[in-house]
N, C-alpha and C. Protein backbone atom coordinates (compact mmCIF):
# COMPACT_ATOMS: atom_id res chain seq x y z
N MET A 1 -11.84 -11.57 7.62
CA MET A 1 -11.48 -11.29 6.25
C MET A 1 -12.54 -10.40 5.58
N TRP A 2 -13.81 -10.74 5.72
CA TRP A 2 -14.85 -10.01 5.00
C TRP A 2 -15.00 -8.55 5.42
N PRO A 3 -14.86 -8.22 6.71
CA PRO A 3 -14.91 -6.79 7.06
C PRO A 3 -13.79 -5.99 6.38
N ASN A 4 -12.59 -6.58 6.28
CA ASN A 4 -11.49 -5.90 5.60
C ASN A 4 -11.78 -5.73 4.11
N VAL A 5 -12.30 -6.77 3.49
CA VAL A 5 -12.65 -6.69 2.06
C VAL A 5 -13.72 -5.62 1.85
N ARG A 6 -14.67 -5.56 2.75
CA ARG A 6 -15.72 -4.55 2.64
C ARG A 6 -15.13 -3.14 2.71
N ASP A 7 -14.17 -2.91 3.62
CA ASP A 7 -13.52 -1.60 3.71
C ASP A 7 -12.68 -1.31 2.47
N ASP A 8 -11.99 -2.33 1.95
CA ASP A 8 -11.21 -2.15 0.72
C ASP A 8 -12.14 -1.77 -0.43
N PHE A 9 -13.27 -2.45 -0.53
CA PHE A 9 -14.24 -2.18 -1.60
C PHE A 9 -14.84 -0.79 -1.45
N ARG A 10 -15.15 -0.39 -0.23
CA ARG A 10 -15.69 0.96 0.02
C ARG A 10 -14.73 2.02 -0.50
N ARG A 11 -13.44 1.88 -0.19
CA ARG A 11 -12.46 2.87 -0.65
C ARG A 11 -12.32 2.84 -2.16
N ALA A 12 -12.35 1.65 -2.76
CA ALA A 12 -12.24 1.55 -4.22
C ALA A 12 -13.43 2.24 -4.88
N CYS A 13 -14.61 2.09 -4.32
CA CYS A 13 -15.81 2.76 -4.87
C CYS A 13 -15.72 4.27 -4.70
N GLU A 14 -15.24 4.72 -3.56
CA GLU A 14 -15.13 6.16 -3.30
C GLU A 14 -14.17 6.86 -4.26
N HIS A 15 -13.17 6.14 -4.73
CA HIS A 15 -12.12 6.77 -5.53
C HIS A 15 -12.23 6.49 -7.03
N THR A 16 -13.37 6.05 -7.48
CA THR A 16 -13.57 5.89 -8.92
C THR A 16 -14.23 7.14 -9.47
N SER A 17 -13.91 7.46 -10.71
CA SER A 17 -14.47 8.68 -11.31
C SER A 17 -15.83 8.43 -11.95
N TYR A 18 -16.28 7.18 -11.98
CA TYR A 18 -17.57 6.89 -12.59
C TYR A 18 -18.71 7.44 -11.73
N ARG A 19 -19.80 7.78 -12.39
CA ARG A 19 -21.00 8.26 -11.68
C ARG A 19 -22.02 7.14 -11.63
N GLY A 20 -22.80 7.17 -10.59
CA GLY A 20 -23.82 6.15 -10.42
C GLY A 20 -23.30 5.01 -9.58
N ARG A 21 -24.13 4.56 -8.68
CA ARG A 21 -23.74 3.52 -7.73
C ARG A 21 -23.32 2.22 -8.41
N LEU A 22 -24.11 1.76 -9.38
CA LEU A 22 -23.80 0.50 -10.05
C LEU A 22 -22.50 0.59 -10.83
N ARG A 23 -22.30 1.67 -11.57
CA ARG A 23 -21.06 1.83 -12.35
C ARG A 23 -19.84 1.92 -11.45
N LYS A 24 -19.96 2.61 -10.32
CA LYS A 24 -18.85 2.70 -9.38
C LYS A 24 -18.49 1.31 -8.84
N ARG A 25 -19.52 0.54 -8.49
CA ARG A 25 -19.27 -0.79 -7.94
C ARG A 25 -18.67 -1.74 -8.98
N LEU A 26 -19.18 -1.70 -10.20
CA LEU A 26 -18.63 -2.55 -11.26
C LEU A 26 -17.18 -2.19 -11.55
N HIS A 27 -16.90 -0.90 -11.59
CA HIS A 27 -15.53 -0.47 -11.84
C HIS A 27 -14.61 -0.93 -10.72
N ALA A 28 -15.04 -0.77 -9.47
CA ALA A 28 -14.23 -1.20 -8.33
C ALA A 28 -13.99 -2.71 -8.36
N LEU A 29 -15.03 -3.49 -8.65
CA LEU A 29 -14.88 -4.95 -8.68
C LEU A 29 -13.91 -5.42 -9.76
N THR A 30 -13.87 -4.70 -10.87
CA THR A 30 -13.02 -5.13 -11.98
C THR A 30 -11.64 -4.48 -11.96
N ALA A 31 -11.39 -3.58 -11.03
CA ALA A 31 -10.09 -2.91 -10.95
C ALA A 31 -9.02 -3.88 -10.47
N PRO A 32 -7.90 -4.00 -11.19
CA PRO A 32 -6.84 -4.93 -10.78
C PRO A 32 -6.28 -4.64 -9.39
N GLY A 33 -6.24 -3.38 -8.98
CA GLY A 33 -5.76 -3.06 -7.63
C GLY A 33 -6.64 -3.69 -6.57
N PHE A 34 -7.96 -3.58 -6.73
CA PHE A 34 -8.89 -4.19 -5.78
C PHE A 34 -8.77 -5.71 -5.83
N GLN A 35 -8.62 -6.27 -7.02
CA GLN A 35 -8.48 -7.72 -7.15
C GLN A 35 -7.23 -8.22 -6.44
N ALA A 36 -6.14 -7.45 -6.54
CA ALA A 36 -4.90 -7.84 -5.86
C ALA A 36 -5.08 -7.81 -4.34
N VAL A 37 -5.76 -6.79 -3.84
CA VAL A 37 -5.99 -6.70 -2.39
C VAL A 37 -6.89 -7.84 -1.94
N CYS A 38 -7.91 -8.17 -2.71
CA CYS A 38 -8.77 -9.32 -2.38
C CYS A 38 -7.97 -10.62 -2.37
N GLY A 39 -7.10 -10.77 -3.36
CA GLY A 39 -6.24 -11.95 -3.40
C GLY A 39 -5.38 -12.04 -2.16
N TYR A 40 -4.82 -10.91 -1.74
CA TYR A 40 -4.02 -10.88 -0.51
C TYR A 40 -4.87 -11.30 0.69
N ARG A 41 -6.07 -10.75 0.79
CA ARG A 41 -6.94 -11.09 1.94
C ARG A 41 -7.23 -12.59 1.96
N MET A 42 -7.49 -13.17 0.79
CA MET A 42 -7.77 -14.62 0.72
C MET A 42 -6.54 -15.44 1.11
N THR A 43 -5.37 -15.06 0.58
CA THR A 43 -4.16 -15.84 0.88
C THR A 43 -3.80 -15.74 2.35
N ARG A 44 -4.01 -14.58 2.94
CA ARG A 44 -3.73 -14.43 4.38
C ARG A 44 -4.70 -15.29 5.21
N TRP A 45 -5.97 -15.28 4.80
CA TRP A 45 -6.97 -16.10 5.48
C TRP A 45 -6.59 -17.58 5.39
N LEU A 46 -6.18 -18.00 4.20
CA LEU A 46 -5.78 -19.41 4.01
C LEU A 46 -4.52 -19.75 4.79
N LEU A 47 -3.57 -18.82 4.86
CA LEU A 47 -2.35 -19.06 5.63
C LEU A 47 -2.67 -19.30 7.10
N HIS A 48 -3.58 -18.52 7.65
CA HIS A 48 -3.96 -18.67 9.06
C HIS A 48 -4.77 -19.93 9.30
N ARG A 49 -5.35 -20.50 8.25
CA ARG A 49 -6.09 -21.75 8.39
C ARG A 49 -5.26 -22.95 7.92
N ARG A 50 -3.98 -22.71 7.75
CA ARG A 50 -3.00 -23.75 7.39
C ARG A 50 -3.32 -24.44 6.07
N VAL A 51 -3.65 -23.61 5.08
CA VAL A 51 -3.87 -24.10 3.72
C VAL A 51 -2.93 -23.29 2.80
N PRO A 52 -1.61 -23.40 3.03
CA PRO A 52 -0.68 -22.52 2.32
C PRO A 52 -0.52 -22.82 0.83
N VAL A 53 -0.73 -24.05 0.41
CA VAL A 53 -0.52 -24.38 -1.00
C VAL A 53 -1.55 -23.67 -1.87
N LEU A 54 -2.82 -23.73 -1.49
CA LEU A 54 -3.85 -23.03 -2.25
C LEU A 54 -3.59 -21.52 -2.22
N GLY A 55 -3.18 -21.02 -1.05
CA GLY A 55 -2.86 -19.60 -0.93
C GLY A 55 -1.72 -19.20 -1.85
N ALA A 56 -0.70 -20.03 -1.94
CA ALA A 56 0.44 -19.74 -2.82
C ALA A 56 0.02 -19.70 -4.28
N LEU A 57 -0.87 -20.61 -4.68
CA LEU A 57 -1.38 -20.62 -6.05
C LEU A 57 -2.17 -19.34 -6.35
N ILE A 58 -2.99 -18.92 -5.40
CA ILE A 58 -3.76 -17.69 -5.59
C ILE A 58 -2.82 -16.49 -5.65
N GLN A 59 -1.84 -16.45 -4.75
CA GLN A 59 -0.90 -15.34 -4.73
C GLN A 59 -0.15 -15.21 -6.06
N ARG A 60 0.35 -16.29 -6.57
CA ARG A 60 1.10 -16.25 -7.84
C ARG A 60 0.19 -15.85 -9.00
N SER A 61 -1.04 -16.35 -8.99
CA SER A 61 -1.99 -15.98 -10.04
C SER A 61 -2.28 -14.48 -10.01
N VAL A 62 -2.47 -13.95 -8.81
CA VAL A 62 -2.72 -12.51 -8.66
C VAL A 62 -1.51 -11.70 -9.13
N GLU A 63 -0.31 -12.15 -8.80
CA GLU A 63 0.91 -11.45 -9.23
C GLU A 63 0.99 -11.40 -10.75
N VAL A 64 0.73 -12.52 -11.40
CA VAL A 64 0.79 -12.57 -12.87
C VAL A 64 -0.30 -11.69 -13.48
N TRP A 65 -1.50 -11.76 -12.92
CA TRP A 65 -2.66 -11.04 -13.47
C TRP A 65 -2.53 -9.53 -13.30
N THR A 66 -2.03 -9.08 -12.12
CA THR A 66 -2.06 -7.66 -11.81
C THR A 66 -0.69 -6.98 -11.77
N GLY A 67 0.38 -7.74 -11.62
CA GLY A 67 1.69 -7.13 -11.45
C GLY A 67 1.90 -6.59 -10.04
N ILE A 68 1.13 -7.09 -9.10
CA ILE A 68 1.21 -6.64 -7.71
C ILE A 68 1.56 -7.83 -6.82
N SER A 69 2.63 -7.68 -6.03
CA SER A 69 3.08 -8.76 -5.16
C SER A 69 2.84 -8.38 -3.70
N ILE A 70 1.88 -9.06 -3.08
CA ILE A 70 1.58 -8.84 -1.66
C ILE A 70 1.57 -10.20 -0.98
N PRO A 71 2.63 -10.57 -0.30
CA PRO A 71 2.65 -11.88 0.37
C PRO A 71 1.69 -11.90 1.56
N PRO A 72 1.14 -13.06 1.87
CA PRO A 72 0.17 -13.14 2.96
C PRO A 72 0.77 -12.85 4.34
N GLU A 73 2.08 -12.89 4.46
CA GLU A 73 2.72 -12.61 5.75
C GLU A 73 2.68 -11.12 6.11
N ALA A 74 2.51 -10.25 5.13
CA ALA A 74 2.43 -8.81 5.40
C ALA A 74 1.18 -8.52 6.21
N ALA A 75 1.29 -7.54 7.11
CA ALA A 75 0.14 -7.16 7.94
C ALA A 75 -0.43 -5.85 7.39
N ILE A 76 -1.61 -5.92 6.80
CA ILE A 76 -2.21 -4.76 6.15
C ILE A 76 -3.60 -4.51 6.73
N GLY A 77 -3.81 -3.29 7.18
CA GLY A 77 -5.09 -2.90 7.76
C GLY A 77 -6.16 -2.77 6.69
N PRO A 78 -7.40 -2.62 7.12
CA PRO A 78 -8.51 -2.51 6.18
C PRO A 78 -8.45 -1.20 5.39
N GLY A 79 -9.07 -1.20 4.23
CA GLY A 79 -9.19 0.02 3.43
C GLY A 79 -8.00 0.31 2.55
N LEU A 80 -7.16 -0.69 2.23
CA LEU A 80 -6.03 -0.45 1.33
C LEU A 80 -6.56 -0.14 -0.06
N LEU A 81 -6.06 0.95 -0.65
CA LEU A 81 -6.46 1.35 -1.99
C LEU A 81 -5.23 1.36 -2.87
N ILE A 82 -5.29 0.64 -3.98
CA ILE A 82 -4.20 0.63 -4.96
C ILE A 82 -4.71 1.30 -6.22
N HIS A 83 -4.16 2.47 -6.50
CA HIS A 83 -4.49 3.21 -7.73
C HIS A 83 -3.55 2.76 -8.84
N HIS A 84 -4.03 2.69 -10.04
CA HIS A 84 -3.17 2.47 -11.22
C HIS A 84 -2.18 1.34 -10.97
N PHE A 85 -2.68 0.16 -10.91
CA PHE A 85 -1.94 -1.03 -10.56
C PHE A 85 -0.67 -1.23 -11.39
N GLY A 86 0.15 -2.11 -10.92
CA GLY A 86 1.32 -2.57 -11.67
C GLY A 86 2.62 -2.22 -10.98
N GLY A 87 3.51 -3.19 -10.95
CA GLY A 87 4.85 -2.97 -10.43
C GLY A 87 4.92 -2.70 -8.94
N ILE A 88 3.93 -3.13 -8.19
CA ILE A 88 3.93 -2.90 -6.74
C ILE A 88 4.46 -4.15 -6.04
N VAL A 89 5.44 -3.92 -5.13
CA VAL A 89 6.04 -5.02 -4.37
C VAL A 89 6.02 -4.63 -2.89
N ILE A 90 5.43 -5.50 -2.09
CA ILE A 90 5.37 -5.29 -0.64
C ILE A 90 6.05 -6.48 0.03
N ASN A 91 7.01 -6.20 0.90
CA ASN A 91 7.73 -7.26 1.61
C ASN A 91 6.81 -7.94 2.61
N GLY A 92 7.06 -9.20 2.87
CA GLY A 92 6.24 -9.98 3.78
C GLY A 92 6.30 -9.53 5.23
N GLN A 93 7.32 -8.74 5.60
CA GLN A 93 7.44 -8.26 6.97
C GLN A 93 6.86 -6.85 7.14
N ALA A 94 6.39 -6.26 6.06
CA ALA A 94 5.87 -4.89 6.11
C ALA A 94 4.57 -4.84 6.91
N VAL A 95 4.34 -3.69 7.54
CA VAL A 95 3.11 -3.43 8.26
C VAL A 95 2.51 -2.16 7.67
N ILE A 96 1.25 -2.24 7.24
CA ILE A 96 0.58 -1.10 6.62
C ILE A 96 -0.73 -0.86 7.36
N GLY A 97 -0.95 0.37 7.78
CA GLY A 97 -2.13 0.71 8.57
C GLY A 97 -3.39 0.86 7.74
N ARG A 98 -4.44 1.27 8.41
CA ARG A 98 -5.78 1.43 7.84
C ARG A 98 -5.80 2.58 6.83
N ASP A 99 -6.60 2.38 5.76
CA ASP A 99 -6.91 3.41 4.76
C ASP A 99 -5.69 4.03 4.09
N CYS A 100 -4.70 3.22 3.78
CA CYS A 100 -3.52 3.70 3.05
C CYS A 100 -3.77 3.62 1.55
N THR A 101 -3.03 4.43 0.80
CA THR A 101 -3.16 4.47 -0.65
C THR A 101 -1.80 4.28 -1.29
N LEU A 102 -1.71 3.35 -2.24
CA LEU A 102 -0.48 3.10 -2.98
C LEU A 102 -0.74 3.35 -4.46
N HIS A 103 0.17 4.08 -5.10
CA HIS A 103 0.09 4.28 -6.54
C HIS A 103 1.03 3.29 -7.21
N HIS A 104 1.04 3.25 -8.54
CA HIS A 104 1.80 2.23 -9.25
C HIS A 104 3.31 2.39 -9.05
N GLY A 105 3.99 1.25 -9.15
CA GLY A 105 5.45 1.24 -9.07
C GLY A 105 6.02 1.39 -7.67
N VAL A 106 5.24 1.18 -6.64
CA VAL A 106 5.69 1.35 -5.26
C VAL A 106 6.39 0.08 -4.77
N THR A 107 7.50 0.27 -4.04
CA THR A 107 8.19 -0.84 -3.38
C THR A 107 8.27 -0.53 -1.90
N ILE A 108 7.83 -1.48 -1.08
CA ILE A 108 7.93 -1.38 0.37
C ILE A 108 8.69 -2.61 0.81
N GLY A 109 9.97 -2.43 1.19
CA GLY A 109 10.78 -3.61 1.47
C GLY A 109 11.92 -3.37 2.42
N ASN A 110 12.83 -4.34 2.48
CA ASN A 110 13.98 -4.25 3.37
C ASN A 110 15.21 -3.79 2.59
N ARG A 111 16.23 -3.34 3.33
CA ARG A 111 17.46 -2.86 2.69
C ARG A 111 18.44 -3.99 2.43
N VAL A 112 18.38 -5.02 3.25
CA VAL A 112 19.21 -6.21 3.07
C VAL A 112 18.30 -7.43 3.18
N ALA A 113 18.65 -8.48 2.47
CA ALA A 113 17.82 -9.69 2.48
C ALA A 113 17.61 -10.18 3.90
N GLY A 114 16.35 -10.38 4.26
CA GLY A 114 16.00 -10.86 5.58
C GLY A 114 15.95 -9.78 6.65
N GLY A 115 16.29 -8.55 6.28
CA GLY A 115 16.28 -7.45 7.25
C GLY A 115 14.87 -6.95 7.52
N PRO A 116 14.76 -6.01 8.46
CA PRO A 116 13.44 -5.48 8.81
C PRO A 116 12.85 -4.63 7.69
N SER A 117 11.54 -4.53 7.71
CA SER A 117 10.79 -3.77 6.70
C SER A 117 10.06 -2.61 7.35
N PRO A 118 9.58 -1.67 6.53
CA PRO A 118 8.91 -0.48 7.06
C PRO A 118 7.54 -0.76 7.69
N THR A 119 7.15 0.20 8.52
CA THR A 119 5.81 0.24 9.09
C THR A 119 5.17 1.54 8.64
N LEU A 120 4.01 1.43 7.99
CA LEU A 120 3.26 2.62 7.56
C LEU A 120 2.09 2.80 8.51
N GLY A 121 1.87 4.03 8.94
CA GLY A 121 0.76 4.33 9.81
C GLY A 121 -0.56 4.35 9.05
N GLU A 122 -1.55 4.99 9.62
CA GLU A 122 -2.87 5.06 8.99
C GLU A 122 -2.95 6.24 8.03
N ARG A 123 -3.72 6.05 6.97
CA ARG A 123 -4.00 7.09 5.97
C ARG A 123 -2.75 7.62 5.28
N VAL A 124 -1.76 6.78 5.09
CA VAL A 124 -0.53 7.18 4.40
C VAL A 124 -0.77 7.08 2.91
N MET A 125 -0.28 8.09 2.15
CA MET A 125 -0.37 8.07 0.69
C MET A 125 1.05 7.95 0.15
N VAL A 126 1.26 6.94 -0.71
CA VAL A 126 2.56 6.72 -1.31
C VAL A 126 2.45 6.95 -2.81
N GLY A 127 3.20 7.92 -3.32
CA GLY A 127 3.14 8.31 -4.72
C GLY A 127 3.77 7.30 -5.66
N ALA A 128 3.50 7.46 -6.94
CA ALA A 128 3.98 6.55 -7.98
C ALA A 128 5.49 6.44 -7.97
N GLY A 129 5.99 5.20 -8.04
CA GLY A 129 7.41 4.95 -8.15
C GLY A 129 8.19 5.11 -6.86
N ALA A 130 7.53 5.38 -5.75
CA ALA A 130 8.24 5.58 -4.48
C ALA A 130 8.79 4.25 -3.96
N VAL A 131 9.91 4.36 -3.25
CA VAL A 131 10.57 3.20 -2.65
C VAL A 131 10.76 3.51 -1.17
N ILE A 132 10.26 2.63 -0.32
CA ILE A 132 10.37 2.79 1.14
C ILE A 132 11.09 1.55 1.65
N LEU A 133 12.29 1.76 2.24
CA LEU A 133 13.12 0.62 2.60
C LEU A 133 13.63 0.69 4.03
N GLY A 134 13.71 -0.47 4.68
CA GLY A 134 14.38 -0.62 5.96
C GLY A 134 13.47 -0.54 7.17
N ASP A 135 14.13 -0.49 8.31
CA ASP A 135 13.45 -0.48 9.60
C ASP A 135 13.06 0.95 9.94
N ILE A 136 12.04 1.45 9.25
CA ILE A 136 11.60 2.84 9.45
C ILE A 136 10.09 2.87 9.66
N THR A 137 9.62 4.00 10.15
CA THR A 137 8.20 4.19 10.39
C THR A 137 7.74 5.42 9.63
N ILE A 138 6.65 5.27 8.92
CA ILE A 138 5.99 6.38 8.24
C ILE A 138 4.75 6.69 9.08
N GLY A 139 4.70 7.89 9.64
CA GLY A 139 3.64 8.25 10.57
C GLY A 139 2.27 8.39 9.93
N ASP A 140 1.25 8.44 10.76
CA ASP A 140 -0.13 8.61 10.30
C ASP A 140 -0.25 9.87 9.44
N ASP A 141 -1.05 9.79 8.40
CA ASP A 141 -1.37 10.93 7.52
C ASP A 141 -0.17 11.48 6.77
N ALA A 142 0.93 10.74 6.69
CA ALA A 142 2.10 11.19 5.94
C ALA A 142 1.87 10.99 4.45
N GLN A 143 2.62 11.74 3.65
CA GLN A 143 2.57 11.59 2.20
C GLN A 143 4.00 11.41 1.69
N ILE A 144 4.16 10.45 0.80
CA ILE A 144 5.45 10.18 0.18
C ILE A 144 5.31 10.56 -1.28
N GLY A 145 6.16 11.45 -1.75
CA GLY A 145 6.07 11.95 -3.11
C GLY A 145 6.46 10.91 -4.15
N ALA A 146 6.07 11.18 -5.38
CA ALA A 146 6.39 10.28 -6.49
C ALA A 146 7.90 10.15 -6.64
N ASN A 147 8.34 8.92 -6.87
CA ASN A 147 9.75 8.58 -7.10
C ASN A 147 10.67 8.87 -5.92
N ALA A 148 10.13 9.10 -4.75
CA ALA A 148 10.96 9.33 -3.56
C ALA A 148 11.60 8.01 -3.13
N VAL A 149 12.79 8.10 -2.56
CA VAL A 149 13.46 6.94 -1.98
C VAL A 149 13.58 7.24 -0.49
N VAL A 150 12.73 6.58 0.31
CA VAL A 150 12.64 6.87 1.73
C VAL A 150 13.46 5.84 2.50
N LEU A 151 14.51 6.35 3.20
CA LEU A 151 15.40 5.50 3.97
C LEU A 151 15.41 5.85 5.45
N ALA A 152 14.65 6.90 5.82
CA ALA A 152 14.55 7.34 7.21
C ALA A 152 13.07 7.54 7.56
N SER A 153 12.78 7.46 8.83
CA SER A 153 11.39 7.61 9.28
C SER A 153 10.83 8.98 8.93
N VAL A 154 9.51 9.03 8.72
CA VAL A 154 8.79 10.26 8.40
C VAL A 154 7.77 10.46 9.51
N PRO A 155 7.71 11.66 10.12
CA PRO A 155 6.77 11.87 11.22
C PRO A 155 5.32 11.93 10.74
N ALA A 156 4.41 11.82 11.67
CA ALA A 156 2.99 11.92 11.35
C ALA A 156 2.73 13.25 10.66
N GLY A 157 1.99 13.20 9.55
CA GLY A 157 1.67 14.40 8.80
C GLY A 157 2.80 14.92 7.94
N GLY A 158 3.92 14.23 7.92
CA GLY A 158 5.07 14.67 7.14
C GLY A 158 4.89 14.44 5.65
N ILE A 159 5.55 15.28 4.87
CA ILE A 159 5.55 15.13 3.41
C ILE A 159 7.00 14.97 3.00
N ALA A 160 7.33 13.81 2.43
CA ALA A 160 8.71 13.49 2.07
C ALA A 160 8.83 13.36 0.55
N VAL A 161 9.86 14.01 0.00
CA VAL A 161 10.10 13.96 -1.44
C VAL A 161 11.60 13.87 -1.70
N GLY A 162 11.97 13.38 -2.88
CA GLY A 162 13.35 13.41 -3.31
C GLY A 162 14.07 12.09 -3.18
N VAL A 163 15.34 12.14 -3.63
CA VAL A 163 16.22 10.97 -3.58
C VAL A 163 17.55 11.41 -2.99
N PRO A 164 17.91 11.01 -1.78
CA PRO A 164 17.04 10.33 -0.81
C PRO A 164 15.98 11.31 -0.31
N ALA A 165 14.89 10.78 0.16
CA ALA A 165 13.76 11.62 0.57
C ALA A 165 14.12 12.50 1.75
N LYS A 166 13.63 13.72 1.67
CA LYS A 166 13.75 14.67 2.76
C LYS A 166 12.35 15.15 3.11
N ILE A 167 12.14 15.47 4.37
CA ILE A 167 10.84 15.96 4.81
C ILE A 167 10.79 17.45 4.47
N VAL A 168 9.87 17.82 3.59
CA VAL A 168 9.78 19.21 3.17
C VAL A 168 8.85 20.01 4.05
N ARG A 169 7.91 19.35 4.69
CA ARG A 169 7.02 20.02 5.63
C ARG A 169 6.12 18.99 6.26
N THR A 170 5.37 19.46 7.24
CA THR A 170 4.32 18.63 7.80
C THR A 170 3.01 19.29 7.39
N LYS A 171 1.96 18.54 7.37
CA LYS A 171 0.68 19.07 6.91
C LYS A 171 0.19 20.24 7.75
N ASP A 172 0.56 20.27 9.02
CA ASP A 172 0.10 21.34 9.90
C ASP A 172 1.02 22.55 9.89
N ALA A 173 2.21 22.42 9.31
CA ALA A 173 3.18 23.51 9.34
C ALA A 173 3.35 24.12 7.95
N ARG A 174 3.86 25.33 7.94
CA ARG A 174 4.17 25.98 6.67
C ARG A 174 5.51 25.47 6.17
N PRO A 175 5.74 25.55 4.85
CA PRO A 175 7.03 25.10 4.34
C PRO A 175 8.16 25.97 4.89
N PRO A 176 9.36 25.38 5.08
CA PRO A 176 10.47 26.18 5.60
C PRO A 176 10.86 27.28 4.62
N ARG A 177 11.29 28.43 5.18
CA ARG A 177 11.73 29.54 4.34
C ARG A 177 13.06 29.26 3.70
N ALA A 178 13.21 29.72 2.48
CA ALA A 178 14.51 29.63 1.83
C ALA A 178 15.41 30.70 2.41
N SER A 179 16.64 30.36 2.73
CA SER A 179 17.52 31.37 3.30
C SER A 179 18.59 31.81 2.36
């Protein structure tokens, strides 16, 4: 648990606009996004140690405090960064890789109750208001645009925007020509 929290804290410190080591650390510690990720790490740790009631109390408290719902059943790699907290919902079956970034209003879930949830690779950035649903994979280094509704897999390095989301380019390729 602690190595993951350390990576989460490192990313929170790196992405604050404050100057000075102490100010960056204080800002990161008090940021609701970091607090929600810490709450998730604690509830997951408690779930694996068969203390689910305490974990459930912490999870609900974090949801009320931050507006971010991350169940302990979700598998999230170290270095998760939540910018501009609020309105974030992650399904318990979701898998999120290392060093991913979520902006406010993001939903990562299933298309039907009890159905499969998405898998996000490493270093994925999900823009504000984006919705990622179903049994799909978002590749490493992909970017999901603000308010996109992603219902199909996105390749590594892909940039997806729109409703429903379409891949407009990959980071290594030039945008397609208009014909």
